[in-house]
Amino acid sequence: MFSQLFSNKALEQEVTKLRQSLAQAENKLSKLESENEELKQELIHQQTLLNDNTDNQLLQSALNGHVSNPRYS
């Protein structure tokens, strides 16, 4: 009987530790997902800036007569 109680107590403690570990892992995952979303938004912003810069360079070259680009003709 005593060994059964000891075994149950040990199992309860192990379950508690595992639940705490799971909660920590879920919290970390949530933070990483938020960070990932922020990085995706920053990437979209940077890609937009790059596209705008490329368009501006092509337009400037077309206006200066250096290139013949049908997009800006």
PDB file of N, CA and C in Angstrom:
ATOM      1  N   MET A   1       0.823  -1.195   0.000  1.00  0.00           N
ATOM      2  CA  MET A   1       0.000   0.000   0.000  1.00  0.00           C
ATOM      3  C   MET A   1       0.865   1.256   0.000  1.00  0.00           C
ATOM      4  N   PHE A   2       1.879   1.271   0.852  1.00  0.00           N
ATOM      5  CA  PHE A   2       2.775   2.423   0.917  1.00  0.00           C
ATOM      6  C   PHE A   2       3.491   2.635  -0.411  1.00  0.00           C
ATOM      7  N   SER A   3       3.953   1.543  -1.007  1.00  0.00           N
ATOM      8  CA  SER A   3       4.662   1.669  -2.290  1.00  0.00           C
ATOM      9  C   SER A   3       3.723   2.177  -3.383  1.00  0.00           C
ATOM     10  N   GLN A   4       2.455   1.805  -3.313  1.00  0.00           N
ATOM     11  CA  GLN A   4       1.465   2.287  -4.285  1.00  0.00           C
ATOM     12  C   GLN A   4       1.278   3.797  -4.136  1.00  0.00           C
ATOM     13  N   LEU A   5       1.182   4.292  -2.909  1.00  0.00           N
ATOM     14  CA  LEU A   5       1.041   5.728  -2.663  1.00  0.00           C
ATOM     15  C   LEU A   5       2.269   6.478  -3.151  1.00  0.00           C
ATOM     16  N   PHE A   6       3.422   5.924  -2.855  1.00  0.00           N
ATOM     17  CA  PHE A   6       4.674   6.550  -3.283  1.00  0.00           C
ATOM     18  C   PHE A   6       4.743   6.616  -4.807  1.00  0.00           C
ATOM     19  N   SER A   7       4.341   5.519  -5.440  1.00  0.00           N
ATOM     20  CA  SER A   7       4.361   5.457  -6.892  1.00  0.00           C
ATOM     21  C   SER A   7       3.392   6.485  -7.489  1.00  0.00           C
ATOM     22  N   ASN A   8       2.190   6.592  -6.914  1.00  0.00           N
ATOM     23  CA  ASN A   8       1.212   7.560  -7.408  1.00  0.00           C
ATOM     24  C   ASN A   8       1.713   8.986  -7.223  1.00  0.00           C
ATOM     25  N   LYS A   9       2.325   9.265  -6.079  1.00  0.00           N
ATOM     26  CA  LYS A   9       2.842  10.610  -5.808  1.00  0.00           C
ATOM     27  C   LYS A   9       3.955  10.954  -6.804  1.00  0.00           C
ATOM     28  N   ALA A  10       4.826   9.997  -7.050  1.00  0.00           N
ATOM     29  CA  ALA A  10       5.911  10.223  -8.008  1.00  0.00           C
ATOM     30  C   ALA A  10       5.353  10.477  -9.402  1.00  0.00           C
ATOM     31  N   LEU A  11       4.331   9.730  -9.774  1.00  0.00           N
ATOM     32  CA  LEU A  11       3.718   9.927 -11.088  1.00  0.00           C
ATOM     33  C   LEU A  11       3.039  11.287 -11.174  1.00  0.00           C
ATOM     34  N   GLU A  12       2.360  11.707 -10.116  1.00  0.00           N
ATOM     35  CA  GLU A  12       1.723  13.018 -10.100  1.00  0.00           C
ATOM     36  C   GLU A  12       2.760  14.129 -10.244  1.00  0.00           C
ATOM     37  N   GLN A  13       3.876  13.975  -9.566  1.00  0.00           N
ATOM     38  CA  GLN A  13       4.945  14.979  -9.673  1.00  0.00           C
ATOM     39  C   GLN A  13       5.505  15.020 -11.090  1.00  0.00           C
ATOM     40  N   GLU A  14       5.671  13.867 -11.692  1.00  0.00           N
ATOM     41  CA  GLU A  14       6.188  13.808 -13.060  1.00  0.00           C
ATOM     42  C   GLU A  14       5.201  14.451 -14.037  1.00  0.00           C
ATOM     43  N   VAL A  15       3.913  14.176 -13.850  1.00  0.00           N
ATOM     44  CA  VAL A  15       2.884  14.777 -14.700  1.00  0.00           C
ATOM     45  C   VAL A  15       2.904  16.301 -14.546  1.00  0.00           C
ATOM     46  N   THR A  16       3.053  16.774 -13.319  1.00  0.00           N
ATOM     47  CA  THR A  16       3.117  18.214 -13.072  1.00  0.00           C
ATOM     48  C   THR A  16       4.313  18.826 -13.794  1.00  0.00           C
ATOM     49  N   LYS A  17       5.458  18.187 -13.711  1.00  0.00           N
ATOM     50  CA  LYS A  17       6.659  18.680 -14.406  1.00  0.00           C
ATOM     51  C   LYS A  17       6.429  18.713 -15.912  1.00  0.00           C
ATOM     52  N   LEU A  18       5.827  17.653 -16.438  1.00  0.00           N
ATOM     53  CA  LEU A  18       5.577  17.589 -17.879  1.00  0.00           C
ATOM     54  C   LEU A  18       4.592  18.667 -18.322  1.00  0.00           C
ATOM     55  N   ARG A  19       3.585  18.924 -17.503  1.00  0.00           N
ATOM     56  CA  ARG A  19       2.623  19.986 -17.842  1.00  0.00           C
ATOM     57  C   ARG A  19       3.310  21.349 -17.839  1.00  0.00           C
ATOM     58  N   GLN A  20       4.190  21.565 -16.879  1.00  0.00           N
ATOM     59  CA  GLN A  20       4.922  22.829 -16.830  1.00  0.00           C
ATOM     60  C   GLN A  20       5.825  22.975 -18.052  1.00  0.00           C
ATOM     61  N   SER A  21       6.489  21.888 -18.412  1.00  0.00           N
ATOM     62  CA  SER A  21       7.352  21.914 -19.600  1.00  0.00           C
ATOM     63  C   SER A  21       6.534  22.189 -20.856  1.00  0.00           C
ATOM     64  N   LEU A  22       5.369  21.574 -20.934  1.00  0.00           N
ATOM     65  CA  LEU A  22       4.493  21.796 -22.088  1.00  0.00           C
ATOM     66  C   LEU A  22       4.042  23.245 -22.145  1.00  0.00           C
ATOM     67  N   ALA A  23       3.677  23.808 -21.010  1.00  0.00           N
ATOM     68  CA  ALA A  23       3.242  25.204 -20.973  1.00  0.00           C
ATOM     69  C   ALA A  23       4.373  26.133 -21.406  1.00  0.00           C
ATOM     70  N   GLN A  24       5.588  25.848 -20.958  1.00  0.00           N
ATOM     71  CA  GLN A  24       6.747  26.664 -21.358  1.00  0.00           C
ATOM     72  C   GLN A  24       6.994  26.541 -22.858  1.00  0.00           C
ATOM     73  N   ALA A  25       6.883  25.325 -23.380  1.00  0.00           N
ATOM     74  CA  ALA A  25       7.103  25.108 -24.811  1.00  0.00           C
ATOM     75  C   ALA A  25       6.031  25.819 -25.637  1.00  0.00           C
ATOM     76  N   GLU A  26       4.783  25.774 -25.169  1.00  0.00           N
ATOM     77  CA  GLU A  26       3.703  26.455 -25.885  1.00  0.00           C
ATOM     78  C   GLU A  26       3.913  27.967 -25.856  1.00  0.00           C
ATOM     79  N   ASN A  27       4.381  28.486 -24.736  1.00  0.00           N
ATOM     80  CA  ASN A  27       4.662  29.915 -24.620  1.00  0.00           C
ATOM     81  C   ASN A  27       5.785  30.325 -25.582  1.00  0.00           C
ATOM     82  N   LYS A  28       6.828  29.502 -25.625  1.00  0.00           N
ATOM     83  CA  LYS A  28       7.944  29.783 -26.525  1.00  0.00           C
ATOM     84  C   LYS A  28       7.489  29.723 -27.986  1.00  0.00           C
ATOM     85  N   LEU A  29       6.667  28.735 -28.296  1.00  0.00           N
ATOM     86  CA  LEU A  29       6.140  28.608 -29.659  1.00  0.00           C
ATOM     87  C   LEU A  29       5.320  29.837 -30.033  1.00  0.00           C
ATOM     88  N   SER A  30       4.493  30.294 -29.116  1.00  0.00           N
ATOM     89  CA  SER A  30       3.679  31.480 -29.375  1.00  0.00           C
ATOM     90  C   SER A  30       4.560  32.697 -29.658  1.00  0.00           C
ATOM     91  N   LYS A  31       5.613  32.859 -28.867  1.00  0.00           N
ATOM     92  CA  LYS A  31       6.536  33.987 -29.083  1.00  0.00           C
ATOM     93  C   LYS A  31       7.224  33.869 -30.438  1.00  0.00           C
ATOM     94  N   LEU A  32       7.641  32.652 -30.793  1.00  0.00           N
ATOM     95  CA  LEU A  32       8.304  32.452 -32.080  1.00  0.00           C
ATOM     96  C   LEU A  32       7.350  32.700 -33.248  1.00  0.00           C
ATOM     97  N   GLU A  33       6.091  32.304 -33.091  1.00  0.00           N
ATOM     98  CA  GLU A  33       5.115  32.560 -34.148  1.00  0.00           C
ATOM     99  C   GLU A  33       4.889  34.063 -34.317  1.00  0.00           C
ATOM    100  N   SER A  34       4.857  34.788 -33.206  1.00  0.00           N
ATOM    101  CA  SER A  34       4.701  36.250 -33.286  1.00  0.00           C
ATOM    102  C   SER A  34       5.912  36.881 -33.967  1.00  0.00           C
ATOM    103  N   GLU A  35       7.096  36.426 -33.573  1.00  0.00           N
ATOM    104  CA  GLU A  35       8.322  36.948 -34.180  1.00  0.00           C
ATOM    105  C   GLU A  35       8.357  36.622 -35.675  1.00  0.00           C
ATOM    106  N   ASN A  36       7.927  35.423 -36.027  1.00  0.00           N
ATOM    107  CA  ASN A  36       7.890  35.014 -37.428  1.00  0.00           C
ATOM    108  C   ASN A  36       6.953  35.921 -38.226  1.00  0.00           C
ATOM    109  N   GLU A  37       5.805  36.251 -37.651  1.00  0.00           N
ATOM    110  CA  GLU A  37       4.851  37.125 -38.335  1.00  0.00           C
ATOM    111  C   GLU A  37       5.446  38.521 -38.524  1.00  0.00           C
ATOM    112  N   GLU A  38       6.140  39.015 -37.501  1.00  0.00           N
ATOM    113  CA  GLU A  38       6.791  40.326 -37.616  1.00  0.00           C
ATOM    114  C   GLU A  38       7.849  40.307 -38.716  1.00  0.00           C
ATOM    115  N   LEU A  39       8.616  39.227 -38.782  1.00  0.00           N
ATOM    116  CA  LEU A  39       9.654  39.115 -39.814  1.00  0.00           C
ATOM    117  C   LEU A  39       9.039  39.021 -41.212  1.00  0.00           C
ATOM    118  N   LYS A  40       7.913  38.324 -41.329  1.00  0.00           N
ATOM    119  CA  LYS A  40       7.229  38.253 -42.622  1.00  0.00           C
ATOM    120  C   LYS A  40       6.785  39.644 -43.067  1.00  0.00           C
ATOM    121  N   GLN A  41       6.223  40.415 -42.133  1.00  0.00           N
ATOM    122  CA  GLN A  41       5.774  41.763 -42.469  1.00  0.00           C
ATOM    123  C   GLN A  41       6.963  42.654 -42.857  1.00  0.00           C
ATOM    124  N   GLU A  42       8.078  42.507 -42.157  1.00  0.00           N
ATOM    125  CA  GLU A  42       9.277  43.285 -42.492  1.00  0.00           C
ATOM    126  C   GLU A  42       9.806  42.888 -43.870  1.00  0.00           C
ATOM    127  N   LEU A  43       9.767  41.602 -44.186  1.00  0.00           N
ATOM    128  CA  LEU A  43      10.202  41.134 -45.500  1.00  0.00           C
ATOM    129  C   LEU A  43       9.322  41.717 -46.606  1.00  0.00           C
ATOM    130  N   ILE A  44       8.022  41.714 -46.393  1.00  0.00           N
ATOM    131  CA  ILE A  44       7.110  42.300 -47.370  1.00  0.00           C
ATOM    132  C   ILE A  44       7.434  43.779 -47.570  1.00  0.00           C
ATOM    133  N   HIS A  45       7.672  44.470 -46.472  1.00  0.00           N
ATOM    134  CA  HIS A  45       8.015  45.893 -46.549  1.00  0.00           C
ATOM    135  C   HIS A  45       9.314  46.100 -47.335  1.00  0.00           C
ATOM    136  N   GLN A  46      10.334  45.297 -47.024  1.00  0.00           N
ATOM    137  CA  GLN A  46      11.615  45.425 -47.720  1.00  0.00           C
ATOM    138  C   GLN A  46      11.478  45.094 -49.199  1.00  0.00           C
ATOM    139  N   GLN A  47      10.671  44.082 -49.532  1.00  0.00           N
ATOM    140  CA  GLN A  47      10.463  43.731 -50.938  1.00  0.00           C
ATOM    141  C   GLN A  47       9.755  44.871 -51.679  1.00  0.00           C
ATOM    142  N   THR A  48       8.817  45.497 -51.003  1.00  0.00           N
ATOM    143  CA  THR A  48       8.110  46.636 -51.602  1.00  0.00           C
ATOM    144  C   THR A  48       9.073  47.780 -51.866  1.00  0.00           C
ATOM    145  N   LEU A  49       9.937  48.073 -50.890  1.00  0.00           N
ATOM    146  CA  LEU A  49      10.931  49.131 -51.084  1.00  0.00           C
ATOM    147  C   LEU A  49      11.873  48.805 -52.234  1.00  0.00           C
ATOM    148  N   LEU A  50      12.295  47.555 -52.303  1.00  0.00           N
ATOM    149  CA  LEU A  50      13.196  47.142 -53.382  1.00  0.00           C
ATOM    150  C   LEU A  50      12.507  47.286 -54.740  1.00  0.00           C
ATOM    151  N   ASN A  51      11.261  46.844 -54.820  1.00  0.00           N
ATOM    152  CA  ASN A  51      10.523  46.974 -56.084  1.00  0.00           C
ATOM    153  C   ASN A  51      10.350  48.432 -56.468  1.00  0.00           C
ATOM    154  N   ASP A  52      10.008  49.269 -55.489  1.00  0.00           N
ATOM    155  CA  ASP A  52       9.854  50.702 -55.764  1.00  0.00           C
ATOM    156  C   ASP A  52      11.174  51.298 -56.256  1.00  0.00           C
ATOM    157  N   ASN A  53      12.273  50.909 -55.623  1.00  0.00           N
ATOM    158  CA  ASN A  53      13.585  51.426 -56.009  1.00  0.00           C
ATOM    159  C   ASN A  53      13.939  50.984 -57.424  1.00  0.00           C
ATOM    160  N   THR A  54      13.677  49.721 -57.732  1.00  0.00           N
ATOM    161  CA  THR A  54      13.956  49.203 -59.079  1.00  0.00           C
ATOM    162  C   THR A  54      13.106  49.943 -60.111  1.00  0.00           C
ATOM    163  N   ASP A  55      11.826  50.131 -59.796  1.00  0.00           N
ATOM    164  CA  ASP A  55      10.950  50.871 -60.713  1.00  0.00           C
ATOM    165  C   ASP A  55      11.464  52.298 -60.914  1.00  0.00           C
ATOM    166  N   ASN A  56      11.866  52.931 -59.854  1.00  0.00           N
ATOM    167  CA  ASN A  56      12.375  54.309 -59.952  1.00  0.00           C
ATOM    168  C   ASN A  56      13.647  54.371 -60.796  1.00  0.00           C
ATOM    169  N   GLN A  57      14.515  53.390 -60.634  1.00  0.00           N
ATOM    170  CA  GLN A  57      15.750  53.371 -61.423  1.00  0.00           C
ATOM    171  C   GLN A  57      15.437  53.165 -62.899  1.00  0.00           C
ATOM    172  N   LEU A  58      14.528  52.247 -63.193  1.00  0.00           N
ATOM    173  CA  LEU A  58      14.151  52.013 -64.596  1.00  0.00           C
ATOM    174  C   LEU A  58      13.486  53.247 -65.194  1.00  0.00           C
ATOM    175  N   LEU A  59      12.619  53.882 -64.418  1.00  0.00           N
ATOM    176  CA  LEU A  59      11.948  55.081 -64.910  1.00  0.00           C
ATOM    177  C   LEU A  59      12.950  56.207 -65.152  1.00  0.00           C
ATOM    178  N   GLN A  60      13.879  56.379 -64.227  1.00  0.00           N
ATOM    179  CA  GLN A  60      14.893  57.425 -64.387  1.00  0.00           C
ATOM    180  C   GLN A  60      15.740  57.166 -65.627  1.00  0.00           C
ATOM    181  N   SER A  61      16.123  55.910 -65.823  1.00  0.00           N
ATOM    182  CA  SER A  61      16.914  55.571 -67.011  1.00  0.00           C
ATOM    183  C   SER A  61      16.116  55.808 -68.279  1.00  0.00           C
ATOM    184  N   ALA A  62      14.841  55.442 -68.265  1.00  0.00           N
ATOM    185  CA  ALA A  62      13.991  55.652 -69.445  1.00  0.00           C
ATOM    186  C   ALA A  62      13.836  57.144 -69.732  1.00  0.00           C
ATOM    187  N   LEU A  63      13.663  57.920 -68.671  1.00  0.00           N
ATOM    188  CA  LEU A  63      13.521  59.363 -68.853  1.00  0.00           C
ATOM    189  C   LEU A  63      14.806  59.993 -69.376  1.00  0.00           C
ATOM    190  N   ASN A  64      15.924  59.412 -69.006  1.00  0.00           N
ATOM    191  CA  ASN A  64      17.214  59.918 -69.471  1.00  0.00           C
ATOM    192  C   ASN A  64      17.577  59.367 -70.842  1.00  0.00           C
ATOM    193  N   GLY A  65      16.722  58.471 -71.371  1.00  0.00           N
ATOM    194  CA  GLY A  65      16.960  57.921 -72.702  1.00  0.00           C
ATOM    195  C   GLY A  65      18.020  56.838 -72.716  1.00  0.00           C
ATOM    196  N   HIS A  66      18.363  56.289 -71.582  1.00  0.00           N
ATOM    197  CA  HIS A  66      19.421  55.267 -71.543  1.00  0.00           C
ATOM    198  C   HIS A  66      18.918  53.868 -71.865  1.00  0.00           C
ATOM    199  N   VAL A  67      17.648  53.647 -71.639  1.00  0.00           N
ATOM    200  CA  VAL A  67      17.119  52.296 -71.927  1.00  0.00           C
ATOM    201  C   VAL A  67      15.802  52.460 -72.658  1.00  0.00           C
ATOM    202  N   SER A  68      15.471  51.433 -73.372  1.00  0.00           N
ATOM    203  CA  SER A  68      14.180  51.390 -74.018  1.00  0.00           C
ATOM    204  C   SER A  68      13.396  50.276 -73.321  1.00  0.00           C
ATOM    205  N   ASN A  69      12.536  50.676 -72.442  1.00  0.00           N
ATOM    206  CA  ASN A  69      11.752  49.725 -71.675  1.00  0.00           C
ATOM    207  C   ASN A  69      10.277  49.972 -72.001  1.00  0.00           C
ATOM    208  N   PRO A  70       9.611  48.974 -72.612  1.00  0.00           N
ATOM    209  CA  PRO A  70       8.211  49.185 -73.011  1.00  0.00           C
ATOM    210  C   PRO A  70       7.317  49.528 -71.827  1.00  0.00           C
ATOM    211  N   ARG A  71       7.723  49.146 -70.661  1.00  0.00           N
ATOM    212  CA  ARG A  71       6.917  49.437 -69.483  1.00  0.00           C
ATOM    213  C   ARG A  71       6.784  50.942 -69.248  1.00  0.00           C
ATOM    214  N   TYR A  72       7.794  51.702 -69.668  1.00  0.00           N
ATOM    215  CA  TYR A  72       7.785  53.144 -69.444  1.00  0.00           C
ATOM    216  C   TYR A  72       7.776  53.947 -70.744  1.00  0.00           C
ATOM    217  N   SER A  73       7.411  53.313 -71.811  1.00  0.00           N
ATOM    218  CA  SER A  73       7.369  54.017 -73.113  1.00  0.00           C
ATOM    219  C   SER A  73       6.057  54.714 -73.305  1.00  0.00           C
TER     220      SER A  73
END
